Amino acid sequence: MNLGAAGVVALVHFYKHLSADSATWRAQSGYKEISEWSSTFKTNMLLADIVDSIAWFNYSFASAYSKRKPKKPTTYPRPWVSTGQTLGKEPIPVKDFWNWWNKQ
């Protein structure tokens, strides 16, 4: 496969601008712990915790200095945390599952 001069330049540009959470960057740099902290998921987790901390601080402050008791804050919704919703009451018996599966 011949990339040509423009293809080689594009490949070098791509390689130089890899994000810190890419597997290639981790393998080449040796800074595995830095790549873990650069992920968007970890940033989202930290931001959700900060929002919750500020909400609880506001609640505590209002509870101490207000005549009315404020409503307790709810946690910021996190898609990676289960909401406790269940989809059924009991497991499906195996024979019923296979009957359902074969009809699909």
C-alpha atoms as a PDB file:
ATOM      1  CA  MET A   1       0.000   0.000   0.000  1.00  0.00           C
ATOM      2  CA  ASN A   2       1.475   3.327  -1.097  1.00  0.00           C
ATOM      3  CA  LEU A   3       0.291   6.302   0.962  1.00  0.00           C
ATOM      4  CA  GLY A   4       2.095   8.966  -0.974  1.00  0.00           C
ATOM      5  CA  ALA A   5       3.567  12.129   0.542  1.00  0.00           C
ATOM      6  CA  ALA A   6       0.211  13.623   1.540  1.00  0.00           C
ATOM      7  CA  GLY A   7      -0.837  10.365   3.222  1.00  0.00           C
ATOM      8  CA  VAL A   8       2.369  10.178   5.249  1.00  0.00           C
ATOM      9  CA  VAL A   9       1.967  13.804   6.365  1.00  0.00           C
ATOM     10  CA  ALA A  10      -1.638  13.111   7.363  1.00  0.00           C
ATOM     11  CA  LEU A  11      -0.609   9.986   9.290  1.00  0.00           C
ATOM     12  CA  VAL A  12       2.139  11.860  11.163  1.00  0.00           C
ATOM     13  CA  HIS A  13      -0.300  14.685  11.970  1.00  0.00           C
ATOM     14  CA  PHE A  14      -2.837  12.147  13.259  1.00  0.00           C
ATOM     15  CA  TYR A  15      -0.206  10.439  15.430  1.00  0.00           C
ATOM     16  CA  LYS A  16       1.096  13.697  16.907  1.00  0.00           C
ATOM     17  CA  HIS A  17      -2.389  14.802  17.930  1.00  0.00           C
ATOM     18  CA  LEU A  18      -3.597  11.618  19.626  1.00  0.00           C
ATOM     19  CA  SER A  19      -5.463  12.264  22.847  1.00  0.00           C
ATOM     20  CA  ALA A  20      -3.949  11.182  26.144  1.00  0.00           C
ATOM     21  CA  ASP A  21      -6.607   8.521  26.662  1.00  0.00           C
ATOM     22  CA  SER A  22      -5.797   6.622  23.454  1.00  0.00           C
ATOM     23  CA  ALA A  23      -4.116   3.213  23.704  1.00  0.00           C
ATOM     24  CA  THR A  24      -1.305   4.282  21.363  1.00  0.00           C
ATOM     25  CA  TRP A  25      -0.469   7.335  23.477  1.00  0.00           C
ATOM     26  CA  ARG A  26      -0.462   5.230  26.652  1.00  0.00           C
ATOM     27  CA  ALA A  27       1.826   2.618  25.084  1.00  0.00           C
ATOM     28  CA  GLN A  28       4.298   5.166  23.717  1.00  0.00           C
ATOM     29  CA  SER A  29       4.441   7.636  26.607  1.00  0.00           C
ATOM     30  CA  GLY A  30       4.554   5.363  29.630  1.00  0.00           C
ATOM     31  CA  TYR A  31       2.272   7.729  31.588  1.00  0.00           C
ATOM     32  CA  LYS A  32      -0.645   5.369  32.149  1.00  0.00           C
ATOM     33  CA  GLU A  33      -1.955   7.219  35.212  1.00  0.00           C
ATOM     34  CA  ILE A  34      -2.162  10.513  33.296  1.00  0.00           C
ATOM     35  CA  SER A  35      -4.161   8.898  30.521  1.00  0.00           C
ATOM     36  CA  GLU A  36      -6.657   7.555  33.048  1.00  0.00           C
ATOM     37  CA  TRP A  37      -7.255  11.053  34.465  1.00  0.00           C
ATOM     38  CA  SER A  38      -7.790  12.575  31.046  1.00  0.00           C
ATOM     39  CA  SER A  39     -10.878  10.549  30.255  1.00  0.00           C
ATOM     40  CA  THR A  40     -14.183  12.332  29.830  1.00  0.00           C
ATOM     41  CA  PHE A  41     -15.927   9.758  32.017  1.00  0.00           C
ATOM     42  CA  LYS A  42     -13.751  10.539  35.036  1.00  0.00           C
ATOM     43  CA  THR A  43     -14.269  14.267  34.467  1.00  0.00           C
ATOM     44  CA  ASN A  44     -18.036  13.752  34.378  1.00  0.00           C
ATOM     45  CA  MET A  45     -17.897  11.768  37.623  1.00  0.00           C
ATOM     46  CA  LEU A  46     -15.953  14.545  39.356  1.00  0.00           C
ATOM     47  CA  LEU A  47     -18.286  17.263  38.067  1.00  0.00           C
ATOM     48  CA  ALA A  48     -21.357  15.372  39.274  1.00  0.00           C
ATOM     49  CA  ASP A  49     -19.755  15.032  42.725  1.00  0.00           C
ATOM     50  CA  ILE A  50     -18.966  18.761  42.797  1.00  0.00           C
ATOM     51  CA  VAL A  51     -22.568  19.642  41.881  1.00  0.00           C
ATOM     52  CA  ASP A  52     -23.841  17.364  44.665  1.00  0.00           C
ATOM     53  CA  SER A  53     -21.405  18.853  47.188  1.00  0.00           C
ATOM     54  CA  ILE A  54     -22.500  22.391  46.369  1.00  0.00           C
ATOM     55  CA  ALA A  55     -26.167  21.395  46.640  1.00  0.00           C
ATOM     56  CA  TRP A  56     -25.588  19.850  50.077  1.00  0.00           C
ATOM     57  CA  PHE A  57     -23.607  22.883  51.223  1.00  0.00           C
ATOM     58  CA  ASN A  58     -26.463  25.151  50.158  1.00  0.00           C
ATOM     59  CA  TYR A  59     -28.935  22.894  51.979  1.00  0.00           C
ATOM     60  CA  SER A  60     -26.834  22.911  55.163  1.00  0.00           C
ATOM     61  CA  PHE A  61     -26.393  26.666  55.052  1.00  0.00           C
ATOM     62  CA  ALA A  62     -30.105  27.258  54.453  1.00  0.00           C
ATOM     63  CA  SER A  63     -31.006  24.802  57.249  1.00  0.00           C
ATOM     64  CA  ALA A  64     -28.832  26.662  59.722  1.00  0.00           C
ATOM     65  CA  TYR A  65     -29.929  30.210  58.858  1.00  0.00           C
ATOM     66  CA  SER A  66     -33.504  29.829  57.648  1.00  0.00           C
ATOM     67  CA  LYS A  67     -36.703  29.662  59.651  1.00  0.00           C
ATOM     68  CA  ARG A  68     -38.216  27.225  57.157  1.00  0.00           C
ATOM     69  CA  LYS A  69     -36.649  23.835  56.630  1.00  0.00           C
ATOM     70  CA  PRO A  70     -35.519  23.563  52.997  1.00  0.00           C
ATOM     71  CA  LYS A  71     -36.106  20.518  50.838  1.00  0.00           C
ATOM     72  CA  LYS A  72     -33.232  18.022  50.811  1.00  0.00           C
ATOM     73  CA  PRO A  73     -31.271  18.056  47.553  1.00  0.00           C
ATOM     74  CA  THR A  74     -31.405  15.143  45.167  1.00  0.00           C
ATOM     75  CA  THR A  75     -28.284  13.737  43.606  1.00  0.00           C
ATOM     76  CA  TYR A  76     -27.346  14.853  40.135  1.00  0.00           C
ATOM     77  CA  PRO A  77     -28.494  12.150  37.683  1.00  0.00           C
ATOM     78  CA  ARG A  78     -25.686   9.825  36.707  1.00  0.00           C
ATOM     79  CA  PRO A  79     -26.272   7.457  33.776  1.00  0.00           C
ATOM     80  CA  TRP A  80     -23.780   4.956  35.195  1.00  0.00           C
ATOM     81  CA  VAL A  81     -25.725   4.569  38.474  1.00  0.00           C
ATOM     82  CA  SER A  82     -28.733   2.289  38.662  1.00  0.00           C
ATOM     83  CA  THR A  83     -32.013   4.023  39.442  1.00  0.00           C
ATOM     84  CA  GLY A  84     -33.402   0.965  41.185  1.00  0.00           C
ATOM     85  CA  GLN A  85     -35.866   0.280  38.382  1.00  0.00           C
ATOM     86  CA  THR A  86     -36.597  -3.386  37.864  1.00  0.00           C
ATOM     87  CA  LEU A  87     -37.968  -4.942  34.719  1.00  0.00           C
ATOM     88  CA  GLY A  88     -39.656  -7.980  36.224  1.00  0.00           C
ATOM     89  CA  LYS A  89     -40.581  -9.649  39.454  1.00  0.00           C
ATOM     90  CA  GLU A  90     -39.170 -13.124  38.952  1.00  0.00           C
ATOM     91  CA  PRO A  91     -36.784 -14.840  36.551  1.00  0.00           C
ATOM     92  CA  ILE A  92     -38.287 -16.503  33.498  1.00  0.00           C
ATOM     93  CA  PRO A  93     -38.210 -20.305  33.599  1.00  0.00           C
ATOM     94  CA  VAL A  94     -35.779 -21.725  31.050  1.00  0.00           C
ATOM     95  CA  LYS A  95     -38.448 -23.582  29.065  1.00  0.00           C
ATOM     96  CA  ASP A  96     -40.484 -20.378  28.715  1.00  0.00           C
ATOM     97  CA  PHE A  97     -37.408 -18.436  27.682  1.00  0.00           C
ATOM     98  CA  TRP A  98     -36.547 -20.867  24.891  1.00  0.00           C
ATOM     99  CA  ASN A  99     -40.140 -20.815  23.642  1.00  0.00           C
ATOM    100  CA  TRP A 100     -39.967 -17.018  23.511  1.00  0.00           C
ATOM    101  CA  TRP A 101     -36.506 -17.042  21.937  1.00  0.00           C
ATOM    102  CA  ASN A 102     -37.459 -19.446  19.166  1.00  0.00           C
ATOM    103  CA  LYS A 103     -40.463 -17.321  18.208  1.00  0.00           C
ATOM    104  CA  GLN A 104     -38.244 -14.283  17.605  1.00  0.00           C
END
